[in-house]
Amino acid sequence: MACDTTVYARAGLVGNPSDGYYGKTISFTVRNFCARVSLYESTDLEIIPSLRDRSRYDSIEELVEDVKAYGYYGGIRLMKAAIRKFADYCQERGIQLPRQNFSMRYRSSIPRHVGLAGSSALVIGALKCLMEFYDVAIPKPLLPTLALEVEAMELGIAAGLQDRVIQVYENCVYMDFDREYMEAHGHGKYEEMDPALLPNLFLGYRTDFSESSEVFHNPIRERWLRGDPEVVQAMKEFAHYAEQVRNLLLAGRGHEIGPWLNRNFDLRRSLFRLNPADIEMVERARATGAYCKFAGSGGAIVGMYEDEGMYQRLLRTFEGTSVVLFKPEITEPSPTAQPS
């Protein structure tokens, strides 16, 4: 038996980073990049390292450059943690797994360390393959929670549910992480939205090194856990922005959401210690008249533009920089669609 699954990158449109603090967010799928996990029956249980987990180099200089680009941690730990958590999930529910081994392969085109949810994509891909291989059904609303536990509980990575929810549901989702509801149900309230309601959006990401999300989030989480009034109020504000954008989208007024994106970034900038190179990305985009914010924890931006003329100005303003700008593919192309 062989299983294969594809999980796409994502962008946080508004409300992030309140997903890790019982807030509200809206996210959408970015099908331009994806992670793929394959699993097939084998004599021994084996995780086959991808290129980014290599341990053989031509020189010390090559190793140094590889670490600068991708850090010290690859996908092996994610695969191991996903398998461990899946086994625990089954054991806790009395699900007897057959003595059937497998080999697992994984690969990803999602840019790393730029907040496009590459790690969670690999985890969800692994869990989906394991579900299919062992014929175990995990309720859809609970799968993002399990995926978060892989990173938060097994690996100690500070993160929120947003990435996992959109990568399970796909397309565009409004998420309400109300604390009382989550404690009662084990998941948030997830409302799937029609991506056609979204305005013209662009994404950009840095091709030079950026910080991983766990480095970015930890100081704020510590303040929030201490009940720091500034942080607590900010998370409520982020959630309010998401609610306002949801209402505008459902009213068919997607062209009016831009100021809320700017507010989201401005509040984040007043609270977080941000990388100057990331701030420059947002400021360059805004200089063209576009609205802009972080797509995740830093290293990538998402924004709204008015028309093709403005998009071309955006492309020109990033010429000669380390930033790649593009239009996100949010939904799967229609089988009848003709290539342009």
Protein backbone atom coordinates (compact mmCIF):
# COMPACT_ATOMS: atom_id res chain seq x y z
CA MET A 1 0.00 0.00 0.00
CA ALA A 2 1.23 3.49 -0.86
CA CYS A 3 -0.09 6.89 0.25
CA ASP A 4 0.78 10.35 -0.99
CA THR A 5 -0.50 13.71 0.21
CA THR A 6 0.06 17.36 -0.71
CA VAL A 7 -0.27 20.24 1.75
CA TYR A 8 0.03 23.85 0.63
CA ALA A 9 1.67 26.93 2.07
CA ARG A 10 -0.57 29.52 3.68
CA ALA A 11 -0.75 33.25 4.31
CA GLY A 12 -2.35 34.93 7.29
CA LEU A 13 -4.54 37.69 5.87
CA VAL A 14 -5.50 39.40 9.11
CA GLY A 15 -5.68 38.81 12.84
CA ASN A 16 -2.36 37.02 13.20
CA PRO A 17 -0.68 36.43 15.59
CA SER A 18 -3.76 36.26 17.84
CA ASP A 19 -4.46 32.63 16.91
CA GLY A 20 -2.07 31.51 19.63
CA TYR A 21 -3.83 33.74 22.17
CA TYR A 22 -7.54 32.82 21.82
CA GLY A 23 -8.07 35.43 19.11
CA LYS A 24 -9.48 35.41 15.57
CA THR A 25 -7.80 35.22 12.17
CA ILE A 26 -8.44 34.82 8.45
CA SER A 27 -6.01 32.81 6.32
CA PHE A 28 -5.86 31.50 2.78
CA THR A 29 -4.07 28.74 0.91
CA VAL A 30 -1.02 29.54 -1.21
CA ARG A 31 -0.88 26.77 -3.82
CA ASN A 32 2.26 28.21 -5.40
CA PHE A 33 4.23 26.16 -2.85
CA CYS A 34 3.59 22.83 -1.19
CA ALA A 35 4.92 20.00 0.94
CA ARG A 36 4.51 16.39 -0.18
CA VAL A 37 4.69 13.33 2.04
CA SER A 38 4.70 9.76 0.71
CA LEU A 39 4.36 6.57 2.70
CA TYR A 40 4.58 2.97 1.53
CA GLU A 41 4.77 -0.42 3.18
CA SER A 42 8.25 -1.74 3.94
CA THR A 43 10.04 -4.31 6.07
CA ASP A 44 11.42 -1.75 8.52
CA LEU A 45 10.03 1.58 9.64
CA GLU A 46 12.22 4.17 7.94
CA ILE A 47 12.16 7.94 7.53
CA ILE A 48 14.10 8.79 4.39
CA PRO A 49 15.84 12.19 4.73
CA SER A 50 15.16 14.87 2.15
CA LEU A 51 17.92 16.98 0.57
CA ARG A 52 17.56 19.62 3.29
CA ASP A 53 18.37 17.01 5.94
CA ARG A 54 21.60 15.97 4.32
CA SER A 55 24.72 15.44 6.42
CA ARG A 56 27.30 15.22 3.62
CA TYR A 57 28.96 18.28 2.08
CA ASP A 58 31.77 19.08 -0.34
CA SER A 59 33.39 21.52 2.07
CA ILE A 60 33.03 23.31 5.38
CA GLU A 61 32.01 26.43 3.45
CA GLU A 62 29.12 24.53 1.88
CA LEU A 63 27.95 23.33 5.30
CA VAL A 64 28.08 26.88 6.66
CA GLU A 65 26.03 28.23 3.75
CA ASP A 66 23.50 25.43 4.14
CA VAL A 67 23.05 26.21 7.84
CA LYS A 68 22.65 29.92 7.07
CA ALA A 69 19.93 29.17 4.55
CA TYR A 70 18.03 26.41 6.33
CA GLY A 71 19.10 26.39 9.98
CA TYR A 72 19.98 23.34 12.03
CA TYR A 73 16.61 21.62 11.97
CA GLY A 74 15.08 19.90 8.97
CA GLY A 75 12.13 17.60 8.52
CA ILE A 76 13.35 14.49 10.32
CA ARG A 77 12.29 15.72 13.76
CA LEU A 78 8.88 16.76 12.38
CA MET A 79 8.29 13.32 10.89
CA LYS A 80 9.35 11.54 14.08
CA ALA A 81 7.17 13.78 16.24
CA ALA A 82 4.16 13.33 13.93
CA ILE A 83 4.49 9.54 14.02
CA ARG A 84 4.88 9.56 17.81
CA LYS A 85 1.83 11.81 18.30
CA PHE A 86 -0.28 9.74 15.89
CA ALA A 87 0.61 6.57 17.82
CA ASP A 88 -0.27 8.28 21.12
CA TYR A 89 -3.60 9.47 19.67
CA CYS A 90 -4.51 5.93 18.65
CA GLN A 91 -3.40 4.39 21.94
CA GLU A 92 -5.39 6.90 24.00
CA ARG A 93 -8.53 5.98 22.06
CA GLY A 94 -8.01 2.24 22.10
CA ILE A 95 -7.24 2.04 18.38
CA GLN A 96 -5.06 -1.01 17.78
CA LEU A 97 -2.61 -0.38 14.93
CA PRO A 98 -1.58 -3.44 12.90
CA ARG A 99 2.08 -4.48 12.97
CA GLN A 100 2.73 -3.01 9.57
CA ASN A 101 5.88 -0.98 8.90
CA PHE A 102 6.41 1.77 6.35
CA SER A 103 8.94 4.04 4.73
CA MET A 104 8.19 7.77 4.72
CA ARG A 105 9.53 10.30 2.25
CA TYR A 106 8.99 14.04 2.36
CA ARG A 107 9.92 17.07 0.29
CA SER A 108 8.86 20.70 0.23
CA SER A 109 9.02 23.72 -2.05
CA ILE A 110 7.76 26.06 0.70
CA PRO A 111 10.42 28.71 1.45
CA ARG A 112 11.78 28.17 4.95
CA HIS A 113 11.93 30.62 7.86
CA VAL A 114 9.67 33.19 6.19
CA GLY A 115 6.36 32.45 7.90
CA LEU A 116 4.60 30.52 5.12
CA ALA A 117 3.96 27.47 7.35
CA GLY A 118 6.42 25.00 5.88
CA SER A 119 6.85 22.98 9.09
CA SER A 120 3.14 22.53 9.75
CA ALA A 121 2.62 21.48 6.12
CA LEU A 122 5.05 18.59 6.60
CA VAL A 123 3.41 17.57 9.88
CA ILE A 124 -0.10 17.57 8.42
CA GLY A 125 1.12 15.69 5.35
CA ALA A 126 2.63 13.02 7.62
CA LEU A 127 -0.53 12.72 9.71
CA LYS A 128 -2.75 12.42 6.64
CA CYS A 129 -0.57 9.66 5.22
CA LEU A 130 -0.63 7.79 8.52
CA MET A 131 -4.41 8.12 8.70
CA GLU A 132 -4.77 6.62 5.24
CA PHE A 133 -2.15 3.92 5.72
CA TYR A 134 -3.67 2.65 8.98
CA ASP A 135 -7.29 3.51 8.06
CA VAL A 136 -7.74 5.78 11.08
CA ALA A 137 -10.27 8.62 10.86
CA ILE A 138 -9.44 11.76 12.81
CA PRO A 139 -12.31 14.32 12.81
CA LYS A 140 -11.47 17.26 10.58
CA PRO A 141 -11.81 19.95 13.29
CA LEU A 142 -9.47 17.99 15.59
CA LEU A 143 -6.71 17.34 13.05
CA PRO A 144 -5.27 20.90 13.28
CA THR A 145 -5.17 20.57 17.08
CA LEU A 146 -3.29 17.28 16.83
CA ALA A 147 -0.86 18.82 14.32
CA LEU A 148 -0.22 21.73 16.69
CA GLU A 149 0.50 19.32 19.54
CA VAL A 150 3.18 17.69 17.39
CA GLU A 151 5.19 20.90 17.33
CA ALA A 152 4.12 22.52 20.61
CA MET A 153 4.13 19.49 22.92
CA GLU A 154 6.65 17.18 21.26
CA LEU A 155 9.15 19.76 20.01
CA GLY A 156 8.53 22.79 22.21
CA ILE A 157 7.85 25.15 19.29
CA ALA A 158 5.60 28.09 20.18
CA ALA A 159 2.88 28.35 17.54
CA GLY A 160 -0.86 28.80 17.03
CA LEU A 161 -3.62 26.88 15.30
CA GLN A 162 -4.03 29.19 12.31
CA ASP A 163 -1.51 27.47 10.02
CA ARG A 164 -2.83 23.99 10.74
CA VAL A 165 -6.49 24.96 10.28
CA ILE A 166 -6.06 26.50 6.84
CA GLN A 167 -3.80 23.66 5.70
CA VAL A 168 -6.45 21.12 6.69
CA TYR A 169 -9.49 23.05 5.39
CA GLU A 170 -7.75 24.88 2.47
CA ASN A 171 -8.93 27.85 0.36
CA CYS A 172 -10.01 30.61 2.83
CA VAL A 173 -11.11 30.25 6.46
CA TYR A 174 -12.24 32.59 9.23
CA MET A 175 -11.16 31.19 12.60
CA ASP A 176 -12.50 32.05 16.03
CA PHE A 177 -10.36 30.63 18.85
CA ASP A 178 -12.71 31.59 21.66
CA ARG A 179 -11.18 30.19 24.84
CA GLU A 180 -14.37 28.85 26.40
CA TYR A 181 -15.40 27.12 23.16
CA MET A 182 -11.96 25.61 22.62
CA GLU A 183 -11.74 24.26 26.15
CA ALA A 184 -15.16 22.65 25.72
CA HIS A 185 -14.63 21.21 22.21
CA GLY A 186 -10.88 20.85 21.71
CA HIS A 187 -10.92 23.12 18.65
CA GLY A 188 -12.05 26.54 17.50
CA LYS A 189 -14.95 27.69 15.34
CA TYR A 190 -13.90 27.40 11.69
CA GLU A 191 -15.93 29.14 9.00
CA GLU A 192 -15.03 28.35 5.39
CA MET A 193 -15.32 31.41 3.16
CA ASP A 194 -15.58 31.78 -0.60
CA PRO A 195 -12.13 32.87 -1.88
CA ALA A 196 -13.93 34.79 -4.63
CA LEU A 197 -14.80 37.35 -1.95
CA LEU A 198 -11.13 38.28 -1.57
CA PRO A 199 -9.75 41.38 -3.32
CA ASN A 200 -6.56 41.51 -5.42
CA LEU A 201 -3.82 40.09 -3.21
CA PHE A 202 -0.05 39.80 -3.54
CA LEU A 203 2.61 37.96 -1.57
CA GLY A 204 6.31 38.52 -1.20
CA TYR A 205 9.07 36.72 0.66
CA ARG A 206 12.75 37.18 1.37
CA THR A 207 15.21 34.82 -0.25
CA ASP A 208 17.93 35.67 2.27
CA PHE A 209 17.92 34.29 5.80
CA SER A 210 15.11 35.16 8.21
CA GLU A 211 14.17 34.08 11.74
CA SER A 212 12.23 30.92 12.50
CA SER A 213 8.82 31.41 14.06
CA GLU A 214 9.77 29.96 17.44
CA VAL A 215 12.46 32.64 17.84
CA PHE A 216 9.94 35.31 16.89
CA HIS A 217 7.04 34.30 19.14
CA ASN A 218 8.61 33.32 22.44
CA PRO A 219 9.13 36.74 24.11
CA ILE A 220 5.52 37.83 23.50
CA ARG A 221 4.11 34.52 24.73
CA GLU A 222 5.97 34.90 28.00
CA ARG A 223 4.50 38.39 28.47
CA TRP A 224 1.01 37.14 27.61
CA LEU A 225 1.27 34.27 30.09
CA ARG A 226 2.22 36.82 32.76
CA GLY A 227 -0.95 38.78 31.93
CA ASP A 228 0.89 41.80 30.52
CA PRO A 229 -1.98 44.30 29.85
CA GLU A 230 -0.38 45.66 26.67
CA VAL A 231 -0.07 42.22 25.10
CA VAL A 232 -3.50 41.03 26.25
CA GLN A 233 -5.18 44.13 24.77
CA ALA A 234 -3.21 43.85 21.54
CA MET A 235 -4.42 40.28 20.97
CA LYS A 236 -8.00 41.48 21.39
CA GLU A 237 -7.33 44.19 18.81
CA PHE A 238 -5.89 41.71 16.31
CA ALA A 239 -9.02 39.58 16.75
CA HIS A 240 -11.22 42.63 16.19
CA TYR A 241 -9.45 43.36 12.90
CA ALA A 242 -10.19 39.82 11.69
CA GLU A 243 -13.85 40.15 12.62
CA GLN A 244 -14.16 43.44 10.74
CA VAL A 245 -12.51 42.00 7.61
CA ARG A 246 -14.82 38.96 7.75
CA ASN A 247 -17.87 41.21 7.86
CA LEU A 248 -16.63 43.30 4.93
CA LEU A 249 -15.89 40.22 2.83
CA LEU A 250 -19.30 38.66 3.48
CA ALA A 251 -20.93 41.99 2.58
CA GLY A 252 -19.16 41.95 -0.80
CA ARG A 253 -16.93 44.85 0.20
CA GLY A 254 -13.56 43.13 -0.06
CA HIS A 255 -12.06 46.20 -1.71
CA GLU A 256 -12.41 48.00 1.66
CA ILE A 257 -10.30 45.65 3.81
CA GLY A 258 -6.94 47.29 3.08
CA PRO A 259 -6.84 49.71 6.05
CA TRP A 260 -7.39 46.79 8.44
CA LEU A 261 -4.32 45.07 7.02
CA ASN A 262 -2.27 48.20 7.65
CA ARG A 263 -3.61 48.48 11.20
CA ASN A 264 -2.67 44.85 11.81
CA PHE A 265 0.95 45.56 10.89
CA ASP A 266 1.11 48.88 12.73
CA LEU A 267 -0.06 47.27 15.96
CA ARG A 268 2.37 44.41 15.51
CA ARG A 269 5.21 46.85 14.93
CA SER A 270 4.37 48.73 18.13
CA LEU A 271 4.45 45.51 20.15
CA PHE A 272 7.05 43.21 18.62
CA ARG A 273 10.75 43.60 17.97
CA LEU A 274 10.83 43.21 14.18
CA ASN A 275 13.63 42.56 11.74
CA PRO A 276 14.46 45.83 9.88
CA ALA A 277 14.59 43.95 6.57
CA ASP A 278 11.02 42.74 7.13
CA ILE A 279 9.85 46.25 7.97
CA GLU A 280 11.46 47.51 4.77
CA MET A 281 9.40 45.04 2.72
CA VAL A 282 6.16 46.43 4.14
CA GLU A 283 7.26 50.04 3.70
CA ARG A 284 8.31 49.48 0.09
CA ALA A 285 4.92 47.97 -0.70
CA ARG A 286 3.04 50.76 1.03
CA ALA A 287 5.03 53.37 -0.87
CA THR A 288 3.26 52.23 -4.06
CA GLY A 289 -0.16 52.84 -2.47
CA ALA A 290 -0.77 49.19 -1.65
CA TYR A 291 -1.88 47.90 1.74
CA CYS A 292 0.50 45.46 3.41
CA LYS A 293 1.30 43.38 6.50
CA PHE A 294 3.22 40.24 7.49
CA ALA A 295 1.91 36.98 6.05
CA GLY A 296 3.17 35.11 9.10
CA SER A 297 5.84 35.57 11.71
CA GLY A 298 8.22 37.56 9.52
CA GLY A 299 10.08 37.10 6.26
CA ALA A 300 6.98 37.27 4.05
CA ILE A 301 4.34 39.90 3.35
CA VAL A 302 0.76 39.84 2.13
CA GLY A 303 -1.06 42.82 0.74
CA MET A 304 -3.85 44.21 -1.37
CA TYR A 305 -3.44 46.15 -4.62
CA GLU A 306 -6.01 48.07 -6.63
CA ASP A 307 -5.28 47.11 -10.23
CA GLU A 308 -2.66 45.70 -12.58
CA GLY A 309 -0.95 49.07 -12.81
CA MET A 310 -0.33 49.08 -9.07
CA TYR A 311 0.87 45.47 -9.18
CA GLN A 312 3.43 46.40 -11.84
CA ARG A 313 4.62 49.25 -9.60
CA LEU A 314 5.01 46.73 -6.80
CA LEU A 315 7.15 44.51 -9.01
CA ARG A 316 9.34 47.46 -9.97
CA THR A 317 9.84 48.63 -6.40
CA PHE A 318 11.22 45.22 -5.42
CA GLU A 319 13.53 44.90 -8.43
CA GLY A 320 17.12 44.39 -7.35
CA THR A 321 16.15 43.25 -3.83
CA SER A 322 16.14 39.79 -2.25
CA VAL A 323 12.33 39.78 -2.27
CA VAL A 324 10.27 37.60 -4.62
CA LEU A 325 6.82 39.06 -5.31
CA PHE A 326 3.93 37.08 -6.82
CA LYS A 327 0.16 36.63 -6.99
CA PRO A 328 -1.08 33.76 -4.81
CA GLU A 329 -2.93 30.80 -6.28
CA ILE A 330 -5.62 30.27 -3.66
CA THR A 331 -7.97 27.73 -5.21
CA GLU A 332 -7.38 24.70 -7.38
CA PRO A 333 -7.63 25.63 -11.08
CA SER A 334 -10.77 24.43 -12.81
CA PRO A 335 -10.17 21.29 -14.95
CA THR A 336 -11.74 23.15 -17.86
CA ALA A 337 -9.59 26.26 -17.48
CA GLN A 338 -7.35 27.02 -20.44
CA PRO A 339 -3.75 28.10 -19.84
CA SER A 340 -3.16 31.79 -20.39
